[in-house]
Amino acid sequence: MKPGLPLAAFAIPLIVSACVPTPEQEVEVTPPASEMGEDACGASRYAGLVGETSPSITLPAGTIFRHYRTGDPVTMDLNPMRLNFEYDASGKLVSVSCG
């Protein structure tokens, strides 16, 4: 018996199994904001604060939000349920949006 033959007997099934397609996996996709509604996060409730300087904002427990100044780096991940509060350099609230 040749020394490489037992190794080949184990290697061939491994090589062939690499060519077998894998079953497709289901991926959960979050629908775009347009399908969830433009105000999925409830930003319209805070629209009256736009233009105020350093407004005091009370949010319900568990609210997903972020606040940042215009021009600050922010992540590009879209979360339709997240409230975004954008302030200018003087601390004035310039926009409230979902995303």
PDB file of N, CA and C in Angstrom:
ATOM      1  N   MET A   1       0.853  -1.173   0.000  1.00  0.00           N
ATOM      2  CA  MET A   1       0.000   0.000   0.000  1.00  0.00           C
ATOM      3  C   MET A   1       0.894   1.229   0.000  1.00  0.00           C
ATOM      4  N   LYS A   2       0.512   2.193  -0.790  1.00  0.00           N
ATOM      5  CA  LYS A   2       1.299   3.406  -0.892  1.00  0.00           C
ATOM      6  C   LYS A   2       1.030   4.290   0.320  1.00  0.00           C
ATOM      7  N   PRO A   3       2.060   5.045   0.815  1.00  0.00           N
ATOM      8  CA  PRO A   3       1.881   5.844   2.023  1.00  0.00           C
ATOM      9  C   PRO A   3       0.853   6.971   1.878  1.00  0.00           C
ATOM     10  N   GLY A   4       0.645   7.531   0.701  1.00  0.00           N
ATOM     11  CA  GLY A   4      -0.282   8.652   0.524  1.00  0.00           C
ATOM     12  C   GLY A   4      -1.724   8.230   0.310  1.00  0.00           C
ATOM     13  N   LEU A   5      -1.970   6.947   0.076  1.00  0.00           N
ATOM     14  CA  LEU A   5      -3.321   6.471  -0.225  1.00  0.00           C
ATOM     15  C   LEU A   5      -4.303   6.660   0.927  1.00  0.00           C
ATOM     16  N   PRO A   6      -3.980   6.320   2.185  1.00  0.00           N
ATOM     17  CA  PRO A   6      -4.942   6.552   3.274  1.00  0.00           C
ATOM     18  C   PRO A   6      -5.265   8.040   3.451  1.00  0.00           C
ATOM     19  N   LEU A   7      -4.282   8.885   3.257  1.00  0.00           N
ATOM     20  CA  LEU A   7      -4.517  10.326   3.368  1.00  0.00           C
ATOM     21  C   LEU A   7      -5.457  10.803   2.271  1.00  0.00           C
ATOM     22  N   ALA A   8      -5.276  10.307   1.065  1.00  0.00           N
ATOM     23  CA  ALA A   8      -6.137  10.678  -0.056  1.00  0.00           C
ATOM     24  C   ALA A   8      -7.566  10.214   0.187  1.00  0.00           C
ATOM     25  N   ALA A   9      -7.724   9.055   0.831  1.00  0.00           N
ATOM     26  CA  ALA A   9      -9.060   8.532   1.113  1.00  0.00           C
ATOM     27  C   ALA A   9      -9.841   9.467   2.034  1.00  0.00           C
ATOM     28  N   PHE A  10      -9.163  10.170   2.916  1.00  0.00           N
ATOM     29  CA  PHE A  10      -9.831  11.128   3.802  1.00  0.00           C
ATOM     30  C   PHE A  10      -9.930  12.517   3.172  1.00  0.00           C
ATOM     31  N   ALA A  11      -8.973  12.879   2.351  1.00  0.00           N
ATOM     32  CA  ALA A  11      -8.930  14.224   1.774  1.00  0.00           C
ATOM     33  C   ALA A  11      -9.972  14.419   0.682  1.00  0.00           C
ATOM     34  N   ILE A  12     -10.217  13.400  -0.123  1.00  0.00           N
ATOM     35  CA  ILE A  12     -11.151  13.539  -1.243  1.00  0.00           C
ATOM     36  C   ILE A  12     -12.561  13.891  -0.759  1.00  0.00           C
ATOM     37  N   PRO A  13     -13.138  13.217   0.243  1.00  0.00           N
ATOM     38  CA  PRO A  13     -14.480  13.623   0.707  1.00  0.00           C
ATOM     39  C   PRO A  13     -14.516  15.061   1.245  1.00  0.00           C
ATOM     40  N   LEU A  14     -13.444  15.484   1.885  1.00  0.00           N
ATOM     41  CA  LEU A  14     -13.405  16.864   2.380  1.00  0.00           C
ATOM     42  C   LEU A  14     -13.407  17.860   1.233  1.00  0.00           C
ATOM     43  N   ILE A  15     -12.638  17.581   0.212  1.00  0.00           N
ATOM     44  CA  ILE A  15     -12.567  18.482  -0.941  1.00  0.00           C
ATOM     45  C   ILE A  15     -13.911  18.527  -1.659  1.00  0.00           C
ATOM     46  N   VAL A  16     -14.533  17.370  -1.858  1.00  0.00           N
ATOM     47  CA  VAL A  16     -15.820  17.306  -2.551  1.00  0.00           C
ATOM     48  C   VAL A  16     -16.910  17.997  -1.733  1.00  0.00           C
ATOM     49  N   SER A  17     -16.879  17.863  -0.409  1.00  0.00           N
ATOM     50  CA  SER A  17     -17.919  18.486   0.420  1.00  0.00           C
ATOM     51  C   SER A  17     -17.849  20.009   0.362  1.00  0.00           C
ATOM     52  N   ALA A  18     -16.700  20.554   0.028  1.00  0.00           N
ATOM     53  CA  ALA A  18     -16.580  22.010  -0.090  1.00  0.00           C
ATOM     54  C   ALA A  18     -17.350  22.527  -1.294  1.00  0.00           C
ATOM     55  N   CYS A  19     -17.656  21.663  -2.243  1.00  0.00           N
ATOM     56  CA  CYS A  19     -18.370  22.072  -3.452  1.00  0.00           C
ATOM     57  C   CYS A  19     -19.887  21.997  -3.301  1.00  0.00           C
ATOM     58  N   VAL A  20     -20.370  21.435  -2.220  1.00  0.00           N
ATOM     59  CA  VAL A  20     -21.806  21.283  -1.998  1.00  0.00           C
ATOM     60  C   VAL A  20     -22.383  22.628  -1.563  1.00  0.00           C
ATOM     61  N   PRO A  21     -23.477  23.079  -2.219  1.00  0.00           N
ATOM     62  CA  PRO A  21     -24.067  24.366  -1.811  1.00  0.00           C
ATOM     63  C   PRO A  21     -24.671  24.275  -0.410  1.00  0.00           C
ATOM     64  N   THR A  22     -24.566  25.340   0.331  1.00  0.00           N
ATOM     65  CA  THR A  22     -25.135  25.381   1.675  1.00  0.00           C
ATOM     66  C   THR A  22     -26.593  25.803   1.586  1.00  0.00           C
ATOM     67  N   PRO A  23     -27.430  25.333   2.505  1.00  0.00           N
ATOM     68  CA  PRO A  23     -28.834  25.746   2.471  1.00  0.00           C
ATOM     69  C   PRO A  23     -28.950  27.244   2.757  1.00  0.00           C
ATOM     70  N   GLU A  24     -29.921  27.875   2.094  1.00  0.00           N
ATOM     71  CA  GLU A  24     -30.111  29.311   2.293  1.00  0.00           C
ATOM     72  C   GLU A  24     -30.655  29.586   3.685  1.00  0.00           C
ATOM     73  N   GLN A  25     -30.146  30.637   4.297  1.00  0.00           N
ATOM     74  CA  GLN A  25     -30.604  31.025   5.620  1.00  0.00           C
ATOM     75  C   GLN A  25     -31.546  32.210   5.482  1.00  0.00           C
ATOM     76  N   GLU A  26     -32.574  32.214   6.321  1.00  0.00           N
ATOM     77  CA  GLU A  26     -33.490  33.343   6.315  1.00  0.00           C
ATOM     78  C   GLU A  26     -32.852  34.513   7.043  1.00  0.00           C
ATOM     79  N   VAL A  27     -32.965  35.677   6.451  1.00  0.00           N
ATOM     80  CA  VAL A  27     -32.403  36.887   7.032  1.00  0.00           C
ATOM     81  C   VAL A  27     -33.551  37.834   7.336  1.00  0.00           C
ATOM     82  N   GLU A  28     -33.597  38.308   8.581  1.00  0.00           N
ATOM     83  CA  GLU A  28     -34.640  39.256   8.969  1.00  0.00           C
ATOM     84  C   GLU A  28     -34.207  40.657   8.553  1.00  0.00           C
ATOM     85  N   VAL A  29     -35.040  41.292   7.751  1.00  0.00           N
ATOM     86  CA  VAL A  29     -34.718  42.618   7.241  1.00  0.00           C
ATOM     87  C   VAL A  29     -35.699  43.619   7.830  1.00  0.00           C
ATOM     88  N   THR A  30     -35.176  44.723   8.351  1.00  0.00           N
ATOM     89  CA  THR A  30     -36.028  45.790   8.861  1.00  0.00           C
ATOM     90  C   THR A  30     -36.561  46.571   7.672  1.00  0.00           C
ATOM     91  N   PRO A  31     -37.876  46.765   7.578  1.00  0.00           N
ATOM     92  CA  PRO A  31     -38.410  47.512   6.446  1.00  0.00           C
ATOM     93  C   PRO A  31     -37.910  48.947   6.448  1.00  0.00           C
ATOM     94  N   PRO A  32     -37.806  49.553   5.257  1.00  0.00           N
ATOM     95  CA  PRO A  32     -37.366  50.943   5.196  1.00  0.00           C
ATOM     96  C   PRO A  32     -38.315  51.861   5.957  1.00  0.00           C
ATOM     97  N   ALA A  33     -37.803  53.018   6.347  1.00  0.00           N
ATOM     98  CA  ALA A  33     -38.604  53.970   7.115  1.00  0.00           C
ATOM     99  C   ALA A  33     -39.873  54.345   6.371  1.00  0.00           C
ATOM    100  N   SER A  34     -39.805  54.372   5.038  1.00  0.00           N
ATOM    101  CA  SER A  34     -40.985  54.744   4.258  1.00  0.00           C
ATOM    102  C   SER A  34     -42.116  53.743   4.453  1.00  0.00           C
ATOM    103  N   GLU A  35     -41.783  52.474   4.690  1.00  0.00           N
ATOM    104  CA  GLU A  35     -42.811  51.468   4.927  1.00  0.00           C
ATOM    105  C   GLU A  35     -43.289  51.476   6.374  1.00  0.00           C
ATOM    106  N   MET A  36     -42.463  51.933   7.291  1.00  0.00           N
ATOM    107  CA  MET A  36     -42.839  51.965   8.704  1.00  0.00           C
ATOM    108  C   MET A  36     -43.578  53.256   9.044  1.00  0.00           C
ATOM    109  N   GLY A  37     -43.573  54.195   8.141  1.00  0.00           N
ATOM    110  CA  GLY A  37     -44.173  55.488   8.414  1.00  0.00           C
ATOM    111  C   GLY A  37     -43.076  56.498   8.659  1.00  0.00           C
ATOM    112  N   GLU A  38     -43.296  57.701   8.221  1.00  0.00           N
ATOM    113  CA  GLU A  38     -42.279  58.742   8.341  1.00  0.00           C
ATOM    114  C   GLU A  38     -41.989  59.104   9.793  1.00  0.00           C
ATOM    115  N   ASP A  39     -42.938  58.849  10.699  1.00  0.00           N
ATOM    116  CA  ASP A  39     -42.761  59.254  12.088  1.00  0.00           C
ATOM    117  C   ASP A  39     -42.798  58.038  13.016  1.00  0.00           C
ATOM    118  N   ALA A  40     -42.066  56.996  12.644  1.00  0.00           N
ATOM    119  CA  ALA A  40     -42.071  55.760  13.426  1.00  0.00           C
ATOM    120  C   ALA A  40     -41.551  55.974  14.839  1.00  0.00           C
ATOM    121  N   CYS A  41     -40.660  56.948  15.035  1.00  0.00           N
ATOM    122  CA  CYS A  41     -40.055  57.174  16.354  1.00  0.00           C
ATOM    123  C   CYS A  41     -40.803  58.233  17.169  1.00  0.00           C
ATOM    124  N   GLY A  42     -41.771  58.904  16.571  1.00  0.00           N
ATOM    125  CA  GLY A  42     -42.523  59.928  17.294  1.00  0.00           C
ATOM    126  C   GLY A  42     -41.855  61.292  17.309  1.00  0.00           C
ATOM    127  N   ALA A  43     -41.042  61.591  16.304  1.00  0.00           N
ATOM    128  CA  ALA A  43     -40.323  62.871  16.244  1.00  0.00           C
ATOM    129  C   ALA A  43     -41.275  64.067  16.205  1.00  0.00           C
ATOM    130  N   SER A  44     -42.453  63.884  15.655  1.00  0.00           N
ATOM    131  CA  SER A  44     -43.393  65.008  15.547  1.00  0.00           C
ATOM    132  C   SER A  44     -43.809  65.545  16.917  1.00  0.00           C
ATOM    133  N   ARG A  45     -43.733  64.709  17.952  1.00  0.00           N
ATOM    134  CA  ARG A  45     -44.082  65.169  19.306  1.00  0.00           C
ATOM    135  C   ARG A  45     -43.109  66.220  19.823  1.00  0.00           C
ATOM    136  N   TYR A  46     -41.895  66.251  19.262  1.00  0.00           N
ATOM    137  CA  TYR A  46     -40.861  67.177  19.730  1.00  0.00           C
ATOM    138  C   TYR A  46     -40.584  68.301  18.733  1.00  0.00           C
ATOM    139  N   ALA A  47     -41.351  68.361  17.650  1.00  0.00           N
ATOM    140  CA  ALA A  47     -41.136  69.373  16.619  1.00  0.00           C
ATOM    141  C   ALA A  47     -41.320  70.788  17.159  1.00  0.00           C
ATOM    142  N   GLY A  48     -42.143  70.965  18.154  1.00  0.00           N
ATOM    143  CA  GLY A  48     -42.369  72.292  18.733  1.00  0.00           C
ATOM    144  C   GLY A  48     -41.150  72.851  19.449  1.00  0.00           C
ATOM    145  N   LEU A  49     -40.176  72.010  19.743  1.00  0.00           N
ATOM    146  CA  LEU A  49     -38.959  72.460  20.428  1.00  0.00           C
ATOM    147  C   LEU A  49     -37.900  72.992  19.463  1.00  0.00           C
ATOM    148  N   VAL A  50     -38.078  72.746  18.159  1.00  0.00           N
ATOM    149  CA  VAL A  50     -37.108  73.216  17.174  1.00  0.00           C
ATOM    150  C   VAL A  50     -37.033  74.737  17.226  1.00  0.00           C
ATOM    151  N   GLY A  51     -35.828  75.248  17.277  1.00  0.00           N
ATOM    152  CA  GLY A  51     -35.604  76.692  17.370  1.00  0.00           C
ATOM    153  C   GLY A  51     -35.266  77.148  18.773  1.00  0.00           C
ATOM    154  N   GLU A  52     -35.545  76.318  19.774  1.00  0.00           N
ATOM    155  CA  GLU A  52     -35.232  76.679  21.159  1.00  0.00           C
ATOM    156  C   GLU A  52     -33.762  76.391  21.457  1.00  0.00           C
ATOM    157  N   THR A  53     -33.183  77.191  22.336  1.00  0.00           N
ATOM    158  CA  THR A  53     -31.800  76.981  22.746  1.00  0.00           C
ATOM    159  C   THR A  53     -31.764  76.117  23.997  1.00  0.00           C
ATOM    160  N   SER A  54     -31.020  75.032  23.935  1.00  0.00           N
ATOM    161  CA  SER A  54     -30.859  74.075  25.042  1.00  0.00           C
ATOM    162  C   SER A  54     -32.186  73.712  25.707  1.00  0.00           C
ATOM    163  N   PRO A  55     -33.150  73.192  24.920  1.00  0.00           N
ATOM    164  CA  PRO A  55     -34.431  72.821  25.535  1.00  0.00           C
ATOM    165  C   PRO A  55     -34.264  71.642  26.487  1.00  0.00           C
ATOM    166  N   SER A  56     -35.094  71.624  27.516  1.00  0.00           N
ATOM    167  CA  SER A  56     -35.114  70.506  28.451  1.00  0.00           C
ATOM    168  C   SER A  56     -36.092  69.481  27.884  1.00  0.00           C
ATOM    169  N   ILE A  57     -35.588  68.306  27.568  1.00  0.00           N
ATOM    170  CA  ILE A  57     -36.408  67.277  26.929  1.00  0.00           C
ATOM    171  C   ILE A  57     -36.471  66.056  27.842  1.00  0.00           C
ATOM    172  N   THR A  58     -37.689  65.627  28.153  1.00  0.00           N
ATOM    173  CA  THR A  58     -37.890  64.420  28.946  1.00  0.00           C
ATOM    174  C   THR A  58     -38.427  63.345  28.016  1.00  0.00           C
ATOM    175  N   LEU A  59     -37.735  62.211  27.979  1.00  0.00           N
ATOM    176  CA  LEU A  59     -38.129  61.110  27.111  1.00  0.00           C
ATOM    177  C   LEU A  59     -38.598  59.935  27.954  1.00  0.00           C
ATOM    178  N   PRO A  60     -39.564  59.165  27.438  1.00  0.00           N
ATOM    179  CA  PRO A  60     -40.000  57.967  28.161  1.00  0.00           C
ATOM    180  C   PRO A  60     -38.837  56.979  28.312  1.00  0.00           C
ATOM    181  N   ALA A  61     -38.854  56.208  29.376  1.00  0.00           N
ATOM    182  CA  ALA A  61     -37.817  55.198  29.600  1.00  0.00           C
ATOM    183  C   ALA A  61     -37.775  54.237  28.417  1.00  0.00           C
ATOM    184  N   GLY A  62     -36.586  53.878  28.003  1.00  0.00           N
ATOM    185  CA  GLY A  62     -36.417  52.938  26.901  1.00  0.00           C
ATOM    186  C   GLY A  62     -36.390  53.576  25.529  1.00  0.00           C
ATOM    187  N   THR A  63     -36.536  54.891  25.455  1.00  0.00           N
ATOM    188  CA  THR A  63     -36.499  55.576  24.166  1.00  0.00           C
ATOM    189  C   THR A  63     -35.085  55.520  23.601  1.00  0.00           C
ATOM    190  N   ILE A  64     -34.991  55.143  22.338  1.00  0.00           N
ATOM    191  CA  ILE A  64     -33.695  55.131  21.661  1.00  0.00           C
ATOM    192  C   ILE A  64     -33.515  56.510  21.043  1.00  0.00           C
ATOM    193  N   PHE A  65     -32.413  57.185  21.387  1.00  0.00           N
ATOM    194  CA  PHE A  65     -32.193  58.525  20.855  1.00  0.00           C
ATOM    195  C   PHE A  65     -30.707  58.831  20.762  1.00  0.00           C
ATOM    196  N   ARG A  66     -30.396  59.878  20.025  1.00  0.00           N
ATOM    197  CA  ARG A  66     -29.043  60.431  20.012  1.00  0.00           C
ATOM    198  C   ARG A  66     -29.159  61.926  19.792  1.00  0.00           C
ATOM    199  N   HIS A  67     -28.194  62.659  20.318  1.00  0.00           N
ATOM    200  CA  HIS A  67     -28.155  64.098  20.088  1.00  0.00           C
ATOM    201  C   HIS A  67     -26.745  64.458  19.653  1.00  0.00           C
ATOM    202  N   TYR A  68     -26.671  65.396  18.731  1.00  0.00           N
ATOM    203  CA  TYR A  68     -25.373  65.761  18.167  1.00  0.00           C
ATOM    204  C   TYR A  68     -25.450  67.173  17.590  1.00  0.00           C
ATOM    205  N   ARG A  69     -24.291  67.769  17.396  1.00  0.00           N
ATOM    206  CA  ARG A  69     -24.221  69.087  16.768  1.00  0.00           C
ATOM    207  C   ARG A  69     -24.096  68.912  15.259  1.00  0.00           C
ATOM    208  N   THR A  70     -24.599  69.875  14.520  1.00  0.00           N
ATOM    209  CA  THR A  70     -24.482  69.862  13.073  1.00  0.00           C
ATOM    210  C   THR A  70     -23.009  69.717  12.696  1.00  0.00           C
ATOM    211  N   GLY A  71     -22.713  68.766  11.845  1.00  0.00           N
ATOM    212  CA  GLY A  71     -21.343  68.533  11.403  1.00  0.00           C
ATOM    213  C   GLY A  71     -20.592  67.486  12.200  1.00  0.00           C
ATOM    214  N   ASP A  72     -21.123  67.088  13.361  1.00  0.00           N
ATOM    215  CA  ASP A  72     -20.477  66.032  14.146  1.00  0.00           C
ATOM    216  C   ASP A  72     -20.562  64.704  13.385  1.00  0.00           C
ATOM    217  N   PRO A  73     -19.572  63.841  13.547  1.00  0.00           N
ATOM    218  CA  PRO A  73     -19.674  62.520  12.914  1.00  0.00           C
ATOM    219  C   PRO A  73     -20.730  61.675  13.636  1.00  0.00           C
ATOM    220  N   VAL A  74     -21.564  61.024  12.870  1.00  0.00           N
ATOM    221  CA  VAL A  74     -22.572  60.115  13.425  1.00  0.00           C
ATOM    222  C   VAL A  74     -22.531  58.823  12.623  1.00  0.00           C
ATOM    223  N   THR A  75     -22.978  57.751  13.226  1.00  0.00           N
ATOM    224  CA  THR A  75     -23.019  56.476  12.515  1.00  0.00           C
ATOM    225  C   THR A  75     -24.061  56.551  11.410  1.00  0.00           C
ATOM    226  N   MET A  76     -23.858  55.774  10.376  1.00  0.00           N
ATOM    227  CA  MET A  76     -24.767  55.791   9.235  1.00  0.00           C
ATOM    228  C   MET A  76     -25.805  54.672   9.301  1.00  0.00           C
ATOM    229  N   ASP A  77     -25.899  53.988  10.429  1.00  0.00           N
ATOM    230  CA  ASP A  77     -26.903  52.946  10.553  1.00  0.00           C
ATOM    231  C   ASP A  77     -28.274  53.583  10.717  1.00  0.00           C
ATOM    232  N   LEU A  78     -29.236  53.085   9.973  1.00  0.00           N
ATOM    233  CA  LEU A  78     -30.587  53.636  10.017  1.00  0.00           C
ATOM    234  C   LEU A  78     -31.423  52.827  10.991  1.00  0.00           C
ATOM    235  N   ASN A  79     -31.981  53.510  11.980  1.00  0.00           N
ATOM    236  CA  ASN A  79     -32.892  52.879  12.926  1.00  0.00           C
ATOM    237  C   ASN A  79     -34.144  53.748  12.954  1.00  0.00           C
ATOM    238  N   PRO A  80     -35.202  53.343  12.260  1.00  0.00           N
ATOM    239  CA  PRO A  80     -36.409  54.157  12.178  1.00  0.00           C
ATOM    240  C   PRO A  80     -37.035  54.471  13.534  1.00  0.00           C
ATOM    241  N   MET A  81     -36.686  53.695  14.570  1.00  0.00           N
ATOM    242  CA  MET A  81     -37.260  53.917  15.891  1.00  0.00           C
ATOM    243  C   MET A  81     -36.414  54.860  16.748  1.00  0.00           C
ATOM    244  N   ARG A  82     -35.275  55.335  16.223  1.00  0.00           N
ATOM    245  CA  ARG A  82     -34.386  56.202  16.998  1.00  0.00           C
ATOM    246  C   ARG A  82     -34.706  57.670  16.723  1.00  0.00           C
ATOM    247  N   LEU A  83     -34.809  58.442  17.809  1.00  0.00           N
ATOM    248  CA  LEU A  83     -34.990  59.898  17.716  1.00  0.00           C
ATOM    249  C   LEU A  83     -33.625  60.555  17.558  1.00  0.00           C
ATOM    250  N   ASN A  84     -33.518  61.485  16.635  1.00  0.00           N
ATOM    251  CA  ASN A  84     -32.289  62.251  16.438  1.00  0.00           C
ATOM    252  C   ASN A  84     -32.564  63.710  16.768  1.00  0.00           C
ATOM    253  N   PHE A  85     -31.799  64.264  17.690  1.00  0.00           N
ATOM    254  CA  PHE A  85     -31.897  65.681  18.034  1.00  0.00           C
ATOM    255  C   PHE A  85     -30.621  66.355  17.544  1.00  0.00           C
ATOM    256  N   GLU A  86     -30.754  67.273  16.596  1.00  0.00           N
ATOM    257  CA  GLU A  86     -29.595  67.957  16.033  1.00  0.00           C
ATOM    258  C   GLU A  86     -29.563  69.404  16.508  1.00  0.00           C
ATOM    259  N   TYR A  87     -28.414  69.806  17.048  1.00  0.00           N
ATOM    260  CA  TYR A  87     -28.219  71.159  17.575  1.00  0.00           C
ATOM    261  C   TYR A  87     -27.173  71.892  16.743  1.00  0.00           C
ATOM    262  N   ASP A  88     -27.277  73.231  16.693  1.00  0.00           N
ATOM    263  CA  ASP A  88     -26.221  74.005  16.047  1.00  0.00           C
ATOM    264  C   ASP A  88     -25.138  74.336  17.071  1.00  0.00           C
ATOM    265  N   ALA A  89     -24.133  75.103  16.660  1.00  0.00           N
ATOM    266  CA  ALA A  89     -22.990  75.400  17.535  1.00  0.00           C
ATOM    267  C   ALA A  89     -23.383  76.203  18.767  1.00  0.00           C
ATOM    268  N   SER A  90     -24.479  76.956  18.685  1.00  0.00           N
ATOM    269  CA  SER A  90     -24.905  77.765  19.832  1.00  0.00           C
ATOM    270  C   SER A  90     -25.824  77.004  20.784  1.00  0.00           C
ATOM    271  N   GLY A  91     -26.145  75.741  20.456  1.00  0.00           N
ATOM    272  CA  GLY A  91     -27.006  74.940  21.322  1.00  0.00           C
ATOM    273  C   GLY A  91     -28.474  75.004  20.953  1.00  0.00           C
ATOM    274  N   LYS A  92     -28.791  75.621  19.819  1.00  0.00           N
ATOM    275  CA  LYS A  92     -30.183  75.714  19.370  1.00  0.00           C
ATOM    276  C   LYS A  92     -30.565  74.420  18.652  1.00  0.00           C
ATOM    277  N   LEU A  93     -31.723  73.871  19.015  1.00  0.00           N
ATOM    278  CA  LEU A  93     -32.230  72.660  18.374  1.00  0.00           C
ATOM    279  C   LEU A  93     -32.653  73.011  16.952  1.00  0.00           C
ATOM    280  N   VAL A  94     -32.020  72.373  15.955  1.00  0.00           N
ATOM    281  CA  VAL A  94     -32.335  72.703  14.564  1.00  0.00           C
ATOM    282  C   VAL A  94     -33.195  71.647  13.881  1.00  0.00           C
ATOM    283  N   SER A  95     -33.193  70.402  14.393  1.00  0.00           N
ATOM    284  CA  SER A  95     -34.082  69.404  13.803  1.00  0.00           C
ATOM    285  C   SER A  95     -34.297  68.224  14.745  1.00  0.00           C
ATOM    286  N   VAL A  96     -35.453  67.603  14.573  1.00  0.00           N
ATOM    287  CA  VAL A  96     -35.796  66.365  15.273  1.00  0.00           C
ATOM    288  C   VAL A  96     -36.270  65.414  14.187  1.00  0.00           C
ATOM    289  N   SER A  97     -35.659  64.237  14.124  1.00  0.00           N
ATOM    290  CA  SER A  97     -36.010  63.298  13.062  1.00  0.00           C
ATOM    291  C   SER A  97     -35.856  61.862  13.550  1.00  0.00           C
ATOM    292  N   CYS A  98     -36.360  60.948  12.745  1.00  0.00           N
ATOM    293  CA  CYS A  98     -36.191  59.523  13.008  1.00  0.00           C
ATOM    294  C   CYS A  98     -35.032  59.012  12.156  1.00  0.00           C
ATOM    295  N   GLY A  99     -34.348  58.020  12.665  1.00  0.00           N
ATOM    296  CA  GLY A  99     -33.305  57.428  11.812  1.00  0.00           C
ATOM    297  C   GLY A  99     -32.109  56.935  12.547  1.00  0.00           C
TER     298      GLY A  99
END
